[in-house]
Amino acid sequence: MISTRGRYAIRVMIDLAEHRSGYIPLREIAERQEISLKYIEKITPLLAKGALIEGIHGKGGGYKLAKAPEDYSVYDILCLTEGTL
């Protein structure tokens, strides 16, 4: 079974892949995916620490993919969020 954190991490990554026009604020992702902003704020540090996404703070900040979308796999995302599979 995949945890909620794993499912939400995949949804965040898909959203970032679909909207690759620069840094995307977490609030926009939360609204589009109908996920709590607080929950996304717990997931994104894991993804950033694993070098899957890049983020900047402040006005105009947000997150974006660190690589091209085709360079990611669901397995990579789940290993990062779930630990061992």
Protein backbone atom coordinates (compact mmCIF):
# COMPACT_ATOMS: atom_id res chain seq x y z
CA MET A 1 0.00 0.00 0.00
CA ILE A 2 1.07 3.54 -0.70
CA SER A 3 0.63 6.12 2.04
CA THR A 4 -1.15 9.42 1.64
CA ARG A 5 2.25 11.14 1.68
CA GLY A 6 3.39 9.04 -1.29
CA ARG A 7 0.21 9.67 -3.26
CA TYR A 8 0.32 13.39 -2.59
CA ALA A 9 4.01 13.57 -3.51
CA ILE A 10 3.20 12.02 -6.89
CA ARG A 11 0.37 14.52 -7.41
CA VAL A 12 2.67 17.43 -6.53
CA MET A 13 5.30 16.18 -8.99
CA ILE A 14 2.70 15.76 -11.74
CA ASP A 15 1.38 19.26 -11.10
CA LEU A 16 4.90 20.71 -11.32
CA ALA A 17 5.47 18.79 -14.57
CA GLU A 18 2.24 20.14 -16.06
CA HIS A 19 2.98 23.75 -15.07
CA ARG A 20 6.66 24.22 -15.91
CA SER A 21 6.61 27.98 -16.45
CA GLY A 22 9.01 28.81 -13.63
CA TYR A 23 8.67 28.53 -9.89
CA ILE A 24 5.17 27.57 -8.75
CA PRO A 25 3.91 28.71 -5.32
CA LEU A 26 2.73 25.90 -3.06
CA ARG A 27 -0.60 27.64 -2.61
CA GLU A 28 -1.36 27.21 -6.33
CA ILE A 29 -0.47 23.53 -6.24
CA ALA A 30 -2.60 23.03 -3.12
CA GLU A 31 -5.60 24.69 -4.77
CA ARG A 32 -5.30 22.78 -8.04
CA GLN A 33 -4.75 19.42 -6.34
CA GLU A 34 -7.20 20.09 -3.50
CA ILE A 35 -4.56 19.14 -0.93
CA SER A 36 -4.01 20.96 2.35
CA LEU A 37 -1.23 23.55 2.07
CA LYS A 38 0.14 22.41 5.43
CA TYR A 39 0.41 18.84 4.14
CA ILE A 40 2.23 19.96 1.00
CA GLU A 41 4.60 22.01 3.15
CA LYS A 42 5.60 18.75 4.87
CA ILE A 43 6.15 16.88 1.61
CA THR A 44 8.16 19.42 -0.39
CA PRO A 45 11.22 19.42 1.91
CA LEU A 46 11.54 15.67 1.33
CA LEU A 47 11.39 16.15 -2.42
CA ALA A 48 13.84 19.04 -2.30
CA LYS A 49 16.30 17.17 -0.07
CA GLY A 50 16.15 14.27 -2.53
CA ALA A 51 17.01 16.70 -5.37
CA LEU A 52 13.75 16.05 -7.20
CA ILE A 53 12.62 19.66 -6.96
CA GLU A 54 14.22 23.06 -6.43
CA GLY A 55 12.72 25.85 -4.39
CA ILE A 56 13.27 29.52 -3.65
CA HIS A 57 11.73 31.65 -0.93
CA GLY A 58 10.24 35.10 -1.08
CA LYS A 59 8.22 36.99 -3.64
CA GLY A 60 8.14 35.12 -6.92
CA GLY A 61 9.33 32.00 -5.16
CA GLY A 62 7.99 28.50 -5.20
CA TYR A 63 9.10 25.15 -6.51
CA LYS A 64 9.97 23.64 -9.86
CA LEU A 65 11.29 20.32 -11.10
CA ALA A 66 15.05 19.89 -10.90
CA LYS A 67 15.11 17.80 -14.11
CA ALA A 68 12.93 17.16 -17.15
CA PRO A 69 9.68 15.32 -16.30
CA GLU A 70 10.67 12.27 -18.33
CA ASP A 71 13.73 11.80 -16.08
CA TYR A 72 11.54 10.93 -13.07
CA SER A 73 9.89 7.66 -12.17
CA VAL A 74 7.11 6.95 -9.74
CA TYR A 75 9.48 4.49 -8.08
CA ASP A 76 12.00 7.28 -7.34
CA ILE A 77 9.31 9.46 -5.79
CA LEU A 78 7.91 6.65 -3.68
CA CYS A 79 11.34 5.50 -2.48
CA LEU A 80 11.98 9.02 -1.26
CA THR A 81 8.64 9.45 0.51
CA GLU A 82 7.96 5.89 1.65
CA GLY A 83 11.43 4.74 2.55
CA THR A 84 11.93 1.12 1.54
CA LEU A 85 9.34 -0.49 -0.72
